[in-house]
C-alpha atoms as a PDB file:
ATOM      1  CA  MET A   1       0.000   0.000   0.000  1.00  0.00           C
ATOM      2  CA  LEU A   2       2.848   2.411   0.795  1.00  0.00           C
ATOM      3  CA  ALA A   3       4.506   1.727  -2.542  1.00  0.00           C
ATOM      4  CA  VAL A   4       1.313   2.320  -4.528  1.00  0.00           C
ATOM      5  CA  ALA A   5       0.568   5.558  -2.633  1.00  0.00           C
ATOM      6  CA  GLY A   6       4.179   6.655  -3.170  1.00  0.00           C
ATOM      7  CA  PHE A   7       3.927   6.237  -6.943  1.00  0.00           C
ATOM      8  CA  PHE A   8       0.847   8.471  -7.091  1.00  0.00           C
ATOM      9  CA  THR A   9       1.988  11.154  -4.673  1.00  0.00           C
ATOM     10  CA  VAL A  10       1.951  14.742  -5.905  1.00  0.00           C
ATOM     11  CA  ARG A  11       5.482  16.113  -6.175  1.00  0.00           C
ATOM     12  CA  GLY A  12       4.681  19.389  -7.904  1.00  0.00           C
ATOM     13  CA  TYR A  13       3.068  21.066 -10.866  1.00  0.00           C
ATOM     14  CA  ALA A  14       4.265  22.381 -14.214  1.00  0.00           C
ATOM     15  CA  LEU A  15       2.142  24.878 -16.080  1.00  0.00           C
ATOM     16  CA  ASP A  16       2.516  26.031 -19.663  1.00  0.00           C
ATOM     17  CA  ASP A  17       0.199  27.693 -22.180  1.00  0.00           C
ATOM     18  CA  THR A  18      -1.708  24.523 -23.042  1.00  0.00           C
ATOM     19  CA  GLN A  19      -1.600  22.127 -20.107  1.00  0.00           C
ATOM     20  CA  LEU A  20      -1.067  21.543 -16.425  1.00  0.00           C
ATOM     21  CA  SER A  21       1.202  18.642 -15.539  1.00  0.00           C
ATOM     22  CA  VAL A  22       0.847  17.112 -12.096  1.00  0.00           C
ATOM     23  CA  ARG A  23       4.247  15.623 -11.324  1.00  0.00           C
ATOM     24  CA  ARG A  24       4.190  12.186  -9.732  1.00  0.00           C
ATOM     25  CA  LEU A  25       7.066   9.988  -8.590  1.00  0.00           C
ATOM     26  CA  LEU A  26       7.731   8.354 -11.978  1.00  0.00           C
ATOM     27  CA  THR A  27       5.269  10.043 -14.320  1.00  0.00           C
ATOM     28  CA  SER A  28       2.993  13.051 -14.751  1.00  0.00           C
ATOM     29  CA  THR A  29      -0.746  13.460 -15.127  1.00  0.00           C
ATOM     30  CA  ARG A  30      -1.448  15.910 -17.930  1.00  0.00           C
ATOM     31  CA  ILE A  31      -4.522  18.105 -17.802  1.00  0.00           C
ATOM     32  CA  PRO A  32      -5.275  20.101 -20.973  1.00  0.00           C
ATOM     33  CA  LEU A  33      -6.313  23.677 -20.208  1.00  0.00           C
ATOM     34  CA  VAL A  34      -8.665  23.890 -23.203  1.00  0.00           C
ATOM     35  CA  GLY A  35     -12.043  25.108 -21.972  1.00  0.00           C
ATOM     36  CA  LEU A  36     -10.841  26.355 -18.584  1.00  0.00           C
ATOM     37  CA  ARG A  37     -13.340  29.076 -17.692  1.00  0.00           C
ATOM     38  CA  ARG A  38     -12.649  30.075 -14.128  1.00  0.00           C
ATOM     39  CA  ALA A  39      -9.921  29.775 -11.486  1.00  0.00           C
ATOM     40  CA  TRP A  40      -9.810  30.899  -7.884  1.00  0.00           C
ATOM     41  CA  ILE A  41      -7.963  30.392  -4.624  1.00  0.00           C
ATOM     42  CA  ASP A  42      -9.936  28.938  -1.724  1.00  0.00           C
ATOM     43  CA  PRO A  43      -8.162  27.241   1.195  1.00  0.00           C
ATOM     44  CA  THR A  44     -11.493  25.947   2.583  1.00  0.00           C
ATOM     45  CA  VAL A  45     -12.975  24.537  -0.624  1.00  0.00           C
ATOM     46  CA  CYS A  46     -12.269  20.875   0.255  1.00  0.00           C
ATOM     47  CA  LYS A  47     -13.851  20.974   3.728  1.00  0.00           C
ATOM     48  CA  GLY A  48     -16.619  18.458   4.132  1.00  0.00           C
ATOM     49  CA  SER A  49     -15.481  16.408   1.142  1.00  0.00           C
ATOM     50  CA  LEU A  50     -16.031  12.690   0.813  1.00  0.00           C
ATOM     51  CA  ARG A  51     -13.593  10.519  -1.073  1.00  0.00           C
ATOM     52  CA  VAL A  52     -15.275   8.789  -4.002  1.00  0.00           C
ATOM     53  CA  MET A  53     -12.104   7.035  -5.147  1.00  0.00           C
ATOM     54  CA  GLY A  54      -8.471   7.774  -4.443  1.00  0.00           C
ATOM     55  CA  ASN A  55      -5.903   8.442  -1.763  1.00  0.00           C
ATOM     56  CA  GLY A  56      -7.161  10.234   1.317  1.00  0.00           C
ATOM     57  CA  GLY A  57      -3.886  11.451   2.758  1.00  0.00           C
ATOM     58  CA  LEU A  58      -1.035   8.964   2.460  1.00  0.00           C
ATOM     59  CA  PHE A  59       1.698  11.280   1.031  1.00  0.00           C
ATOM     60  CA  SER A  60      -0.959  13.363  -0.764  1.00  0.00           C
ATOM     61  CA  PHE A  61      -4.687  13.647  -1.431  1.00  0.00           C
ATOM     62  CA  THR A  62      -5.439  12.462  -4.954  1.00  0.00           C
ATOM     63  CA  GLY A  63      -8.430  11.098  -6.758  1.00  0.00           C
ATOM     64  CA  TRP A  64     -12.106  11.907  -7.038  1.00  0.00           C
ATOM     65  CA  PHE A  65     -13.858  13.640  -4.154  1.00  0.00           C
ATOM     66  CA  GLN A  66     -17.245  15.246  -3.638  1.00  0.00           C
ATOM     67  CA  ASN A  67     -18.764  17.967  -1.468  1.00  0.00           C
ATOM     68  CA  LYS A  68     -21.758  20.311  -1.483  1.00  0.00           C
ATOM     69  CA  ARG A  69     -19.753  23.305  -2.697  1.00  0.00           C
ATOM     70  CA  LEU A  70     -18.085  21.775  -5.757  1.00  0.00           C
ATOM     71  CA  GLY A  71     -20.035  18.605  -6.449  1.00  0.00           C
ATOM     72  CA  ARG A  72     -17.722  15.890  -7.757  1.00  0.00           C
ATOM     73  CA  TYR A  73     -14.154  17.043  -8.419  1.00  0.00           C
ATOM     74  CA  ARG A  74     -10.675  15.692  -9.031  1.00  0.00           C
ATOM     75  CA  LEU A  75      -8.074  16.517  -6.407  1.00  0.00           C
ATOM     76  CA  PHE A  76      -4.260  16.675  -6.594  1.00  0.00           C
ATOM     77  CA  ALA A  77      -3.244  18.132  -3.233  1.00  0.00           C
ATOM     78  CA  THR A  78      -0.516  18.290  -0.628  1.00  0.00           C
ATOM     79  CA  ASP A  79      -1.350  21.518   1.264  1.00  0.00           C
ATOM     80  CA  PHE A  80      -4.980  22.639   1.403  1.00  0.00           C
ATOM     81  CA  ARG A  81      -3.932  26.149   2.461  1.00  0.00           C
ATOM     82  CA  ASN A  82      -2.866  26.645  -1.188  1.00  0.00           C
ATOM     83  CA  ALA A  83      -5.990  25.230  -2.863  1.00  0.00           C
ATOM     84  CA  VAL A  84      -6.800  26.533  -6.336  1.00  0.00           C
ATOM     85  CA  VAL A  85     -10.050  25.541  -8.044  1.00  0.00           C
ATOM     86  CA  LEU A  86     -10.022  25.078 -11.825  1.00  0.00           C
ATOM     87  CA  LYS A  87     -13.541  25.117 -13.274  1.00  0.00           C
ATOM     88  CA  PHE A  88     -14.139  23.623 -16.704  1.00  0.00           C
ATOM     89  CA  PRO A  89     -17.588  23.243 -18.334  1.00  0.00           C
ATOM     90  CA  ASP A  90     -17.628  19.507 -17.655  1.00  0.00           C
ATOM     91  CA  ARG A  91     -15.328  19.050 -14.655  1.00  0.00           C
ATOM     92  CA  THR A  92     -13.691  20.661 -11.657  1.00  0.00           C
ATOM     93  CA  ILE A  93     -10.101  20.146 -10.555  1.00  0.00           C
ATOM     94  CA  VAL A  94      -8.429  21.283  -7.325  1.00  0.00           C
ATOM     95  CA  VAL A  95      -4.644  21.625  -7.066  1.00  0.00           C
ATOM     96  CA  THR A  96      -2.388  23.063  -4.365  1.00  0.00           C
ATOM     97  CA  PRO A  97       0.588  24.845  -5.930  1.00  0.00           C
ATOM     98  CA  ALA A  98       3.252  26.292  -3.621  1.00  0.00           C
ATOM     99  CA  GLU A  99       2.434  29.815  -4.840  1.00  0.00           C
ATOM    100  CA  PRO A 100      -1.295  29.911  -5.601  1.00  0.00           C
ATOM    101  CA  HIS A 101      -1.427  33.635  -6.443  1.00  0.00           C
ATOM    102  CA  ALA A 102       1.360  33.317  -9.025  1.00  0.00           C
ATOM    103  CA  PHE A 103      -0.301  30.167 -10.402  1.00  0.00           C
ATOM    104  CA  VAL A 104      -3.663  31.901 -10.947  1.00  0.00           C
ATOM    105  CA  GLU A 105      -1.967  35.015 -12.315  1.00  0.00           C
ATOM    106  CA  HIS A 106      -0.097  32.908 -14.881  1.00  0.00           C
ATOM    107  CA  LEU A 107      -3.321  31.150 -15.905  1.00  0.00           C
ATOM    108  CA  HIS A 108      -5.047  34.510 -16.314  1.00  0.00           C
ATOM    109  CA  HIS A 109      -2.180  35.698 -18.504  1.00  0.00           C
ATOM    110  CA  VAL A 110      -2.102  32.688 -20.861  1.00  0.00           C
ATOM    111  CA  ILE A 111      -5.840  31.953 -21.168  1.00  0.00           C
ATOM    112  CA  PRO A 112      -7.840  34.738 -22.821  1.00  0.00           C
ATOM    113  CA  GLY A 113     -11.165  35.323 -21.118  1.00  0.00           C
ATOM    114  CA  LEU A 114     -10.349  33.322 -17.994  1.00  0.00           C
ATOM    115  CA  GLN A 115     -12.432  34.571 -15.100  1.00  0.00           C
ATOM    116  CA  VAL A 116     -10.689  34.785 -11.739  1.00  0.00           C
ATOM    117  CA  GLY A 117     -12.790  34.209  -8.647  1.00  0.00           C
ATOM    118  CA  PRO A 118     -15.794  32.009  -7.876  1.00  0.00           C
ATOM    119  CA  ASP A 119     -19.036  32.623  -9.721  1.00  0.00           C
ATOM    120  CA  ALA A 120     -21.950  34.333  -7.990  1.00  0.00           C
ATOM    121  CA  GLY A 121     -23.714  31.020  -7.316  1.00  0.00           C
ATOM    122  CA  PHE A 122     -20.768  29.499  -5.466  1.00  0.00           C
ATOM    123  CA  ALA A 123     -21.642  29.044  -1.792  1.00  0.00           C
END
């Protein structure tokens, strides 16, 4: 169990103009940024979440989770104080980069029309 959790642990993030790469021990999970509509920082966004499938804290929090605020979302986290929500039309992803403000600022710079901040209906 330790070995499997170790292989999927989040070691960092790489962001370019077209994709976010979640760095793992031996590989990366690539997330295309096409369609990204909104991004915001919220250190409390994962509170009250239930794990649907994934790792609930052994080296990192990864997998599919669900709560009332976001519905079902994919999580790649090590430090919830740095949580950034990425809202796509068909999915939601939460990551925890070391510098969340710089991360969101870079996204806003490279993605025309990206809205920063939660929408009005977000509770």
